Amino acid sequence: MTAFETEIALQDKRVSEVTRALRQRNLNNNLPFLILSEDLPEGQAYREFPDGHIEIQEIIEDGADLKSKLVRNLTRAEVVDFRLKNGLF
């Protein structure tokens, strides 16, 4: 691995650590956490809630504001699969 590749790997690790800490802080403070994913169509994202459920939401720009609209709730099985796939346990 080159020095450049090592630096990129270290930065990726730092970003992951900060993201995990922010997610945990939000959930501990009874706030949802928005998870962007390339697996969803453009304009959609996952929103994880402190009670454990996860929704797919459509994110809508309204001027400088962002609004969201529920697309659907994930089933319990989908939530488990999603967390396993993304290392969110």
N, C-alpha and C. Protein backbone atom coordinates (compact mmCIF):
# COMPACT_ATOMS: atom_id res chain seq x y z
N MET A 1 0.85 -1.18 0.00
CA MET A 1 0.00 0.00 0.00
C MET A 1 0.89 1.24 0.00
N THR A 2 0.59 2.17 -0.89
CA THR A 2 1.38 3.40 -0.97
C THR A 2 1.03 4.33 0.19
N ALA A 3 1.85 5.34 0.37
CA ALA A 3 1.58 6.33 1.43
C ALA A 3 0.24 7.03 1.17
N PHE A 4 -0.05 7.31 -0.08
CA PHE A 4 -1.32 7.96 -0.42
C PHE A 4 -2.49 7.05 -0.07
N GLU A 5 -2.40 5.79 -0.42
CA GLU A 5 -3.47 4.84 -0.11
C GLU A 5 -3.65 4.67 1.39
N THR A 6 -2.54 4.67 2.11
CA THR A 6 -2.60 4.58 3.57
C THR A 6 -3.31 5.79 4.16
N GLU A 7 -2.98 6.97 3.66
CA GLU A 7 -3.62 8.20 4.14
C GLU A 7 -5.12 8.19 3.85
N ILE A 8 -5.49 7.75 2.67
CA ILE A 8 -6.92 7.66 2.31
C ILE A 8 -7.63 6.68 3.24
N ALA A 9 -7.01 5.54 3.51
CA ALA A 9 -7.61 4.54 4.40
C ALA A 9 -7.79 5.11 5.81
N LEU A 10 -6.79 5.86 6.29
CA LEU A 10 -6.89 6.48 7.62
C LEU A 10 -8.00 7.53 7.66
N GLN A 11 -8.12 8.32 6.61
CA GLN A 11 -9.19 9.32 6.56
C GLN A 11 -10.56 8.65 6.51
N ASP A 12 -10.69 7.57 5.75
CA ASP A 12 -11.95 6.82 5.71
C ASP A 12 -12.31 6.29 7.09
N LYS A 13 -11.31 5.80 7.80
CA LYS A 13 -11.55 5.27 9.15
C LYS A 13 -12.01 6.39 10.08
N ARG A 14 -11.37 7.56 10.00
CA ARG A 14 -11.77 8.70 10.84
C ARG A 14 -13.19 9.15 10.54
N VAL A 15 -13.53 9.21 9.26
CA VAL A 15 -14.89 9.61 8.88
C VAL A 15 -15.90 8.60 9.43
N SER A 16 -15.60 7.33 9.34
CA SER A 16 -16.49 6.29 9.87
C SER A 16 -16.66 6.43 11.37
N GLU A 17 -15.57 6.68 12.08
CA GLU A 17 -15.63 6.83 13.54
C GLU A 17 -16.47 8.04 13.93
N VAL A 18 -16.28 9.16 13.25
CA VAL A 18 -17.05 10.37 13.55
C VAL A 18 -18.53 10.15 13.23
N THR A 19 -18.80 9.49 12.12
CA THR A 19 -20.19 9.22 11.74
C THR A 19 -20.86 8.32 12.77
N ARG A 20 -20.18 7.27 13.22
CA ARG A 20 -20.74 6.38 14.24
C ARG A 20 -21.00 7.14 15.55
N ALA A 21 -20.08 8.01 15.93
CA ALA A 21 -20.26 8.79 17.16
C ALA A 21 -21.44 9.75 17.03
N LEU A 22 -21.57 10.39 15.89
CA LEU A 22 -22.69 11.31 15.66
C LEU A 22 -24.01 10.55 15.67
N ARG A 23 -24.05 9.39 15.02
CA ARG A 23 -25.26 8.56 15.03
C ARG A 23 -25.64 8.21 16.46
N GLN A 24 -24.67 7.74 17.23
CA GLN A 24 -24.95 7.34 18.61
C GLN A 24 -25.41 8.53 19.45
N ARG A 25 -24.79 9.67 19.25
CA ARG A 25 -25.19 10.88 19.99
C ARG A 25 -26.62 11.26 19.67
N ASN A 26 -26.96 11.25 18.38
CA ASN A 26 -28.34 11.58 18.00
C ASN A 26 -29.33 10.62 18.63
N LEU A 27 -29.08 9.33 18.49
CA LEU A 27 -30.01 8.34 19.02
C LEU A 27 -30.11 8.44 20.54
N ASN A 28 -28.99 8.67 21.22
CA ASN A 28 -29.00 8.83 22.69
C ASN A 28 -29.76 10.08 23.13
N ASN A 29 -29.81 11.09 22.26
CA ASN A 29 -30.52 12.33 22.56
C ASN A 29 -31.94 12.31 21.99
N ASN A 30 -32.42 11.11 21.67
CA ASN A 30 -33.79 10.93 21.18
C ASN A 30 -34.04 11.66 19.86
N LEU A 31 -33.00 11.71 19.01
CA LEU A 31 -33.09 12.34 17.70
C LEU A 31 -32.88 11.28 16.61
N PRO A 32 -33.54 11.42 15.47
CA PRO A 32 -33.31 10.48 14.38
C PRO A 32 -31.97 10.74 13.70
N PHE A 33 -31.53 9.75 12.92
CA PHE A 33 -30.26 9.87 12.20
C PHE A 33 -30.52 9.56 10.74
N LEU A 34 -30.12 10.46 9.86
CA LEU A 34 -30.31 10.32 8.42
C LEU A 34 -29.14 9.53 7.83
N ILE A 35 -29.46 8.51 7.03
CA ILE A 35 -28.44 7.66 6.43
C ILE A 35 -28.63 7.70 4.91
N LEU A 36 -27.66 8.28 4.22
CA LEU A 36 -27.70 8.32 2.77
C LEU A 36 -27.20 6.98 2.22
N SER A 37 -27.77 6.55 1.12
CA SER A 37 -27.38 5.27 0.56
C SER A 37 -27.51 5.29 -0.96
N GLU A 38 -26.53 4.71 -1.62
CA GLU A 38 -26.60 4.59 -3.07
C GLU A 38 -27.57 3.48 -3.47
N ASP A 39 -28.05 2.69 -2.50
CA ASP A 39 -29.01 1.63 -2.79
C ASP A 39 -30.42 2.17 -3.03
N LEU A 40 -30.65 3.42 -2.65
CA LEU A 40 -31.97 4.03 -2.81
C LEU A 40 -31.99 4.94 -4.03
N PRO A 41 -33.18 5.18 -4.57
CA PRO A 41 -33.27 6.14 -5.69
C PRO A 41 -32.82 7.53 -5.25
N GLU A 42 -32.43 8.31 -6.23
CA GLU A 42 -32.04 9.71 -5.98
C GLU A 42 -33.13 10.42 -5.19
N GLY A 43 -32.73 11.16 -4.18
CA GLY A 43 -33.69 11.93 -3.39
C GLY A 43 -34.30 11.19 -2.22
N GLN A 44 -33.89 9.93 -2.02
CA GLN A 44 -34.39 9.17 -0.88
C GLN A 44 -33.25 8.83 0.07
N ALA A 45 -33.61 8.63 1.34
CA ALA A 45 -32.63 8.30 2.37
C ALA A 45 -33.31 7.48 3.45
N TYR A 46 -32.49 6.78 4.23
CA TYR A 46 -33.00 6.08 5.40
C TYR A 46 -32.98 7.04 6.58
N ARG A 47 -33.97 6.93 7.45
CA ARG A 47 -33.96 7.69 8.69
C ARG A 47 -34.18 6.70 9.82
N GLU A 48 -33.17 6.60 10.69
CA GLU A 48 -33.20 5.67 11.83
C GLU A 48 -33.66 6.44 13.06
N PHE A 49 -34.58 5.84 13.81
CA PHE A 49 -35.14 6.49 14.99
C PHE A 49 -34.67 5.80 16.27
N PRO A 50 -34.66 6.55 17.38
CA PRO A 50 -34.18 5.99 18.65
C PRO A 50 -34.92 4.73 19.10
N ASP A 51 -36.18 4.57 18.70
CA ASP A 51 -36.92 3.36 19.10
C ASP A 51 -36.53 2.15 18.25
N GLY A 52 -35.64 2.34 17.27
CA GLY A 52 -35.12 1.23 16.48
C GLY A 52 -35.73 1.09 15.10
N HIS A 53 -36.84 1.76 14.82
CA HIS A 53 -37.42 1.59 13.49
C HIS A 53 -36.69 2.47 12.49
N ILE A 54 -36.75 2.04 11.24
CA ILE A 54 -36.09 2.77 10.16
C ILE A 54 -37.11 3.01 9.06
N GLU A 55 -37.12 4.24 8.56
CA GLU A 55 -38.01 4.62 7.48
C GLU A 55 -37.19 4.97 6.24
N ILE A 56 -37.80 4.77 5.09
CA ILE A 56 -37.26 5.36 3.86
C ILE A 56 -38.06 6.63 3.64
N GLN A 57 -37.33 7.73 3.47
CA GLN A 57 -37.99 9.01 3.29
C GLN A 57 -37.49 9.68 2.01
N GLU A 58 -38.39 10.41 1.40
CA GLU A 58 -38.02 11.23 0.26
C GLU A 58 -37.63 12.60 0.80
N ILE A 59 -36.46 13.06 0.43
CA ILE A 59 -35.96 14.36 0.89
C ILE A 59 -36.28 15.39 -0.18
N ILE A 60 -36.97 16.45 0.23
CA ILE A 60 -37.44 17.47 -0.70
C ILE A 60 -36.83 18.81 -0.32
N GLU A 61 -36.20 19.46 -1.30
CA GLU A 61 -35.65 20.80 -1.07
C GLU A 61 -36.78 21.81 -1.24
N ASP A 62 -36.89 22.69 -0.25
CA ASP A 62 -37.88 23.76 -0.30
C ASP A 62 -37.14 25.06 -0.01
N GLY A 63 -36.55 25.62 -1.05
CA GLY A 63 -35.69 26.79 -0.87
C GLY A 63 -34.45 26.37 -0.10
N ALA A 64 -34.21 27.03 1.02
CA ALA A 64 -33.05 26.70 1.86
C ALA A 64 -33.38 25.58 2.84
N ASP A 65 -34.64 25.18 2.91
CA ASP A 65 -35.07 24.14 3.86
C ASP A 65 -35.12 22.77 3.20
N LEU A 66 -34.94 21.76 4.02
CA LEU A 66 -35.13 20.39 3.58
C LEU A 66 -36.34 19.82 4.29
N LYS A 67 -37.21 19.21 3.54
CA LYS A 67 -38.38 18.55 4.10
C LYS A 67 -38.32 17.09 3.71
N SER A 68 -39.05 16.26 4.45
CA SER A 68 -39.06 14.85 4.10
C SER A 68 -40.48 14.32 4.10
N LYS A 69 -40.66 13.28 3.31
CA LYS A 69 -41.96 12.63 3.17
C LYS A 69 -41.74 11.13 3.31
N LEU A 70 -42.54 10.48 4.14
CA LEU A 70 -42.41 9.05 4.35
C LEU A 70 -42.72 8.29 3.06
N VAL A 71 -41.80 7.41 2.68
CA VAL A 71 -42.04 6.51 1.56
C VAL A 71 -42.59 5.20 2.12
N ARG A 72 -41.87 4.63 3.11
CA ARG A 72 -42.36 3.44 3.79
C ARG A 72 -41.47 3.11 4.98
N ASN A 73 -42.02 2.32 5.91
CA ASN A 73 -41.25 1.79 7.03
C ASN A 73 -40.62 0.47 6.62
N LEU A 74 -39.40 0.23 7.06
CA LEU A 74 -38.78 -1.06 6.84
C LEU A 74 -39.41 -2.08 7.78
N THR A 75 -39.51 -3.32 7.32
CA THR A 75 -39.98 -4.39 8.19
C THR A 75 -38.88 -4.71 9.20
N ARG A 76 -39.23 -5.46 10.24
CA ARG A 76 -38.20 -5.84 11.23
C ARG A 76 -37.07 -6.60 10.58
N ALA A 77 -37.40 -7.50 9.66
CA ALA A 77 -36.36 -8.28 8.97
C ALA A 77 -35.47 -7.37 8.13
N GLU A 78 -36.07 -6.39 7.46
CA GLU A 78 -35.29 -5.45 6.66
C GLU A 78 -34.37 -4.60 7.54
N VAL A 79 -34.87 -4.22 8.73
CA VAL A 79 -34.04 -3.44 9.66
C VAL A 79 -32.83 -4.24 10.08
N VAL A 80 -33.03 -5.51 10.43
CA VAL A 80 -31.90 -6.37 10.84
C VAL A 80 -30.91 -6.51 9.69
N ASP A 81 -31.40 -6.79 8.49
CA ASP A 81 -30.52 -6.92 7.32
C ASP A 81 -29.75 -5.63 7.05
N PHE A 82 -30.45 -4.49 7.14
CA PHE A 82 -29.83 -3.20 6.90
C PHE A 82 -28.70 -2.95 7.91
N ARG A 83 -28.98 -3.22 9.18
CA ARG A 83 -27.96 -2.99 10.22
C ARG A 83 -26.76 -3.92 10.04
N LEU A 84 -27.02 -5.17 9.70
CA LEU A 84 -25.92 -6.11 9.48
C LEU A 84 -25.07 -5.66 8.28
N LYS A 85 -25.73 -5.30 7.20
CA LYS A 85 -25.02 -4.87 5.98
C LYS A 85 -24.16 -3.64 6.23
N ASN A 86 -24.64 -2.75 7.11
CA ASN A 86 -23.95 -1.48 7.32
C ASN A 86 -23.19 -1.40 8.64
N GLY A 87 -23.08 -2.52 9.36
CA GLY A 87 -22.32 -2.56 10.61
C GLY A 87 -22.87 -1.64 11.68
N LEU A 88 -24.20 -1.61 11.82
CA LEU A 88 -24.83 -0.66 12.74
C LEU A 88 -25.31 -1.29 14.03
N PHE A 89 -24.73 -2.40 14.44
CA PHE A 89 -25.10 -3.00 15.73
C PHE A 89 -24.12 -2.60 16.78
